[in-house]
Amino acid sequence: MTLIAYLNSLPPGKRRELAARCGTSFEYLRQIGYGNRPCSPLIAVCLERESQGVITRKMLFPDDWNKLWPELGGEEMDG
């Protein structure tokens, strides 16, 4: 599931709650999902935690997740 699909699957109130728990706005998360804005590593970790692994750091950083989080190196690629 992509970030934008995940966000669209949430009711509007839950979208804003998710964004607040990640320290950002829903609008910014949408921009990340559409590829218009970069995702920070901190938001990626938060999204992975708050989505209970539906959205992963590896999905959000497909080209360099292993440099940011080498401890994930032994795991299978998600998404």
N, C-alpha and C. Protein backbone atom coordinates (compact mmCIF):
# COMPACT_ATOMS: atom_id res chain seq x y z
N MET A 1 0.85 -1.18 0.00
CA MET A 1 0.00 0.00 0.00
C MET A 1 0.89 1.24 0.00
N THR A 2 0.55 2.18 -0.81
CA THR A 2 1.30 3.43 -0.86
C THR A 2 0.85 4.35 0.28
N LEU A 3 1.67 5.36 0.55
CA LEU A 3 1.30 6.31 1.59
C LEU A 3 -0.01 7.01 1.23
N ILE A 4 -0.17 7.43 -0.01
CA ILE A 4 -1.39 8.16 -0.38
C ILE A 4 -2.62 7.25 -0.26
N ALA A 5 -2.49 5.99 -0.63
CA ALA A 5 -3.60 5.05 -0.48
C ALA A 5 -3.92 4.84 0.99
N TYR A 6 -2.89 4.75 1.82
CA TYR A 6 -3.12 4.60 3.26
C TYR A 6 -3.85 5.83 3.81
N LEU A 7 -3.36 7.01 3.46
CA LEU A 7 -4.01 8.23 3.95
C LEU A 7 -5.46 8.30 3.50
N ASN A 8 -5.71 7.95 2.25
CA ASN A 8 -7.08 7.99 1.73
C ASN A 8 -7.98 6.96 2.37
N SER A 9 -7.40 5.91 2.93
CA SER A 9 -8.21 4.88 3.58
C SER A 9 -8.67 5.28 4.98
N LEU A 10 -8.07 6.34 5.52
CA LEU A 10 -8.42 6.79 6.86
C LEU A 10 -9.57 7.80 6.82
N PRO A 11 -10.44 7.76 7.83
CA PRO A 11 -11.46 8.81 7.93
C PRO A 11 -10.78 10.16 8.18
N PRO A 12 -11.39 11.25 7.76
CA PRO A 12 -10.75 12.57 7.89
C PRO A 12 -10.20 12.89 9.28
N GLY A 13 -10.92 12.58 10.31
CA GLY A 13 -10.43 12.86 11.66
C GLY A 13 -9.19 12.07 12.01
N LYS A 14 -9.13 10.84 11.56
CA LYS A 14 -7.96 9.98 11.82
C LYS A 14 -6.74 10.47 11.04
N ARG A 15 -6.97 11.03 9.87
CA ARG A 15 -5.86 11.58 9.07
C ARG A 15 -5.17 12.69 9.84
N ARG A 16 -5.96 13.57 10.39
CA ARG A 16 -5.40 14.72 11.13
C ARG A 16 -4.74 14.25 12.43
N GLU A 17 -5.32 13.25 13.08
CA GLU A 17 -4.70 12.70 14.29
C GLU A 17 -3.35 12.08 13.97
N LEU A 18 -3.28 11.33 12.87
CA LEU A 18 -2.02 10.73 12.45
C LEU A 18 -0.97 11.80 12.21
N ALA A 19 -1.34 12.82 11.48
CA ALA A 19 -0.40 13.91 11.20
C ALA A 19 0.07 14.57 12.48
N ALA A 20 -0.84 14.84 13.40
CA ALA A 20 -0.47 15.47 14.66
C ALA A 20 0.49 14.59 15.46
N ARG A 21 0.23 13.29 15.47
CA ARG A 21 1.13 12.37 16.19
C ARG A 21 2.51 12.32 15.55
N CYS A 22 2.58 12.64 14.27
CA CYS A 22 3.87 12.67 13.56
C CYS A 22 4.49 14.06 13.54
N GLY A 23 3.84 15.01 14.18
CA GLY A 23 4.40 16.35 14.29
C GLY A 23 4.34 17.16 13.00
N THR A 24 3.32 16.90 12.20
CA THR A 24 3.18 17.61 10.93
C THR A 24 1.71 17.79 10.62
N SER A 25 1.41 18.27 9.42
CA SER A 25 0.02 18.44 9.02
C SER A 25 -0.38 17.35 8.04
N PHE A 26 -1.68 17.12 7.93
CA PHE A 26 -2.17 16.16 6.95
C PHE A 26 -1.80 16.60 5.55
N GLU A 27 -1.86 17.90 5.30
CA GLU A 27 -1.52 18.41 3.99
C GLU A 27 -0.07 18.08 3.62
N TYR A 28 0.83 18.17 4.59
CA TYR A 28 2.22 17.84 4.31
C TYR A 28 2.36 16.34 4.05
N LEU A 29 1.66 15.50 4.81
CA LEU A 29 1.71 14.06 4.55
C LEU A 29 1.19 13.74 3.16
N ARG A 30 0.15 14.43 2.73
CA ARG A 30 -0.36 14.24 1.36
C ARG A 30 0.69 14.61 0.33
N GLN A 31 1.38 15.70 0.57
CA GLN A 31 2.43 16.12 -0.35
C GLN A 31 3.56 15.09 -0.42
N ILE A 32 3.89 14.49 0.70
CA ILE A 32 4.87 13.40 0.71
C ILE A 32 4.33 12.24 -0.12
N GLY A 33 3.08 11.88 0.12
CA GLY A 33 2.46 10.77 -0.58
C GLY A 33 2.43 10.94 -2.09
N TYR A 34 2.23 12.16 -2.54
CA TYR A 34 2.20 12.45 -3.98
C TYR A 34 3.59 12.67 -4.57
N GLY A 35 4.61 12.68 -3.70
CA GLY A 35 5.98 12.87 -4.18
C GLY A 35 6.37 14.31 -4.41
N ASN A 36 5.57 15.24 -3.90
CA ASN A 36 5.86 16.66 -4.08
C ASN A 36 6.76 17.24 -3.00
N ARG A 37 6.86 16.57 -1.89
CA ARG A 37 7.70 17.02 -0.77
C ARG A 37 8.50 15.83 -0.26
N PRO A 38 9.68 16.10 0.28
CA PRO A 38 10.47 15.00 0.83
C PRO A 38 9.95 14.57 2.19
N CYS A 39 10.14 13.32 2.48
CA CYS A 39 9.79 12.80 3.80
C CYS A 39 11.06 12.83 4.65
N SER A 40 10.95 13.36 5.84
CA SER A 40 12.11 13.33 6.73
C SER A 40 12.23 11.95 7.36
N PRO A 41 13.42 11.55 7.75
CA PRO A 41 13.57 10.28 8.44
C PRO A 41 12.72 10.19 9.71
N LEU A 42 12.57 11.30 10.42
CA LEU A 42 11.76 11.27 11.64
C LEU A 42 10.29 11.00 11.34
N ILE A 43 9.77 11.62 10.29
CA ILE A 43 8.38 11.36 9.92
C ILE A 43 8.23 9.93 9.43
N ALA A 44 9.21 9.42 8.71
CA ALA A 44 9.15 8.03 8.23
C ALA A 44 9.06 7.05 9.40
N VAL A 45 9.87 7.25 10.41
CA VAL A 45 9.83 6.38 11.58
C VAL A 45 8.47 6.47 12.25
N CYS A 46 7.96 7.69 12.38
CA CYS A 46 6.66 7.89 13.01
C CYS A 46 5.55 7.24 12.20
N LEU A 47 5.57 7.39 10.89
CA LEU A 47 4.53 6.78 10.05
C LEU A 47 4.57 5.26 10.15
N GLU A 48 5.77 4.70 10.20
CA GLU A 48 5.87 3.25 10.34
C GLU A 48 5.26 2.79 11.66
N ARG A 49 5.57 3.51 12.72
CA ARG A 49 5.04 3.17 14.05
C ARG A 49 3.53 3.37 14.11
N GLU A 50 3.07 4.53 13.66
CA GLU A 50 1.65 4.87 13.78
C GLU A 50 0.75 4.06 12.85
N SER A 51 1.31 3.60 11.73
CA SER A 51 0.52 2.77 10.80
C SER A 51 0.66 1.28 11.14
N GLN A 52 1.38 0.99 12.19
CA GLN A 52 1.63 -0.38 12.63
C GLN A 52 2.26 -1.22 11.52
N GLY A 53 3.19 -0.57 10.80
CA GLY A 53 3.96 -1.26 9.78
C GLY A 53 3.33 -1.33 8.41
N VAL A 54 2.15 -0.75 8.23
CA VAL A 54 1.54 -0.73 6.90
C VAL A 54 2.40 0.13 5.96
N ILE A 55 2.83 1.27 6.47
CA ILE A 55 3.77 2.14 5.77
C ILE A 55 5.12 1.96 6.45
N THR A 56 6.15 1.67 5.67
CA THR A 56 7.46 1.40 6.27
C THR A 56 8.50 2.42 5.83
N ARG A 57 9.56 2.49 6.61
CA ARG A 57 10.69 3.35 6.25
C ARG A 57 11.28 2.92 4.91
N LYS A 58 11.31 1.64 4.67
CA LYS A 58 11.84 1.13 3.41
C LYS A 58 11.00 1.59 2.22
N MET A 59 9.70 1.65 2.41
CA MET A 59 8.82 2.14 1.34
C MET A 59 9.04 3.62 1.07
N LEU A 60 9.24 4.39 2.13
CA LEU A 60 9.39 5.83 2.00
C LEU A 60 10.78 6.24 1.52
N PHE A 61 11.77 5.38 1.74
CA PHE A 61 13.15 5.64 1.33
C PHE A 61 13.68 4.43 0.56
N PRO A 62 13.09 4.10 -0.60
CA PRO A 62 13.47 2.87 -1.29
C PRO A 62 14.93 2.82 -1.75
N ASP A 63 15.53 3.96 -2.00
CA ASP A 63 16.89 3.96 -2.52
C ASP A 63 17.99 4.04 -1.47
N ASP A 64 17.65 4.53 -0.29
CA ASP A 64 18.71 4.70 0.70
C ASP A 64 18.33 4.33 2.13
N TRP A 65 17.26 3.54 2.30
CA TRP A 65 16.87 3.14 3.65
C TRP A 65 18.01 2.42 4.37
N ASN A 66 18.79 1.63 3.63
CA ASN A 66 19.85 0.85 4.26
C ASN A 66 20.99 1.73 4.76
N LYS A 67 21.13 2.94 4.22
CA LYS A 67 22.13 3.87 4.74
C LYS A 67 21.63 4.59 5.98
N LEU A 68 20.33 4.87 5.99
CA LEU A 68 19.73 5.56 7.13
C LEU A 68 19.52 4.63 8.31
N TRP A 69 19.09 3.40 8.02
CA TRP A 69 18.77 2.43 9.07
C TRP A 69 19.45 1.10 8.77
N PRO A 70 20.76 1.02 8.94
CA PRO A 70 21.47 -0.22 8.60
C PRO A 70 20.99 -1.41 9.42
N GLU A 71 20.39 -1.16 10.57
CA GLU A 71 19.88 -2.25 11.40
C GLU A 71 18.73 -3.00 10.73
N LEU A 72 18.13 -2.41 9.69
CA LEU A 72 17.05 -3.08 8.96
C LEU A 72 17.58 -3.95 7.84
N GLY A 73 18.88 -3.99 7.64
CA GLY A 73 19.50 -4.66 6.51
C GLY A 73 19.15 -6.12 6.36
N GLY A 74 18.91 -6.84 7.44
CA GLY A 74 18.63 -8.26 7.35
C GLY A 74 17.20 -8.59 7.05
N GLU A 75 16.32 -7.59 7.03
CA GLU A 75 14.90 -7.85 6.82
C GLU A 75 14.55 -7.81 5.34
N GLU A 76 13.47 -8.48 4.98
CA GLU A 76 12.97 -8.47 3.62
C GLU A 76 12.43 -7.09 3.28
N MET A 77 12.46 -6.75 2.01
CA MET A 77 11.91 -5.48 1.55
C MET A 77 10.39 -5.51 1.66
N ASP A 78 9.83 -4.52 2.33
CA ASP A 78 8.37 -4.41 2.50
C ASP A 78 7.78 -3.65 1.34
N GLY A 79 6.46 -3.90 1.11
CA GLY A 79 5.70 -3.10 0.19
C GLY A 79 5.83 -3.49 -1.22
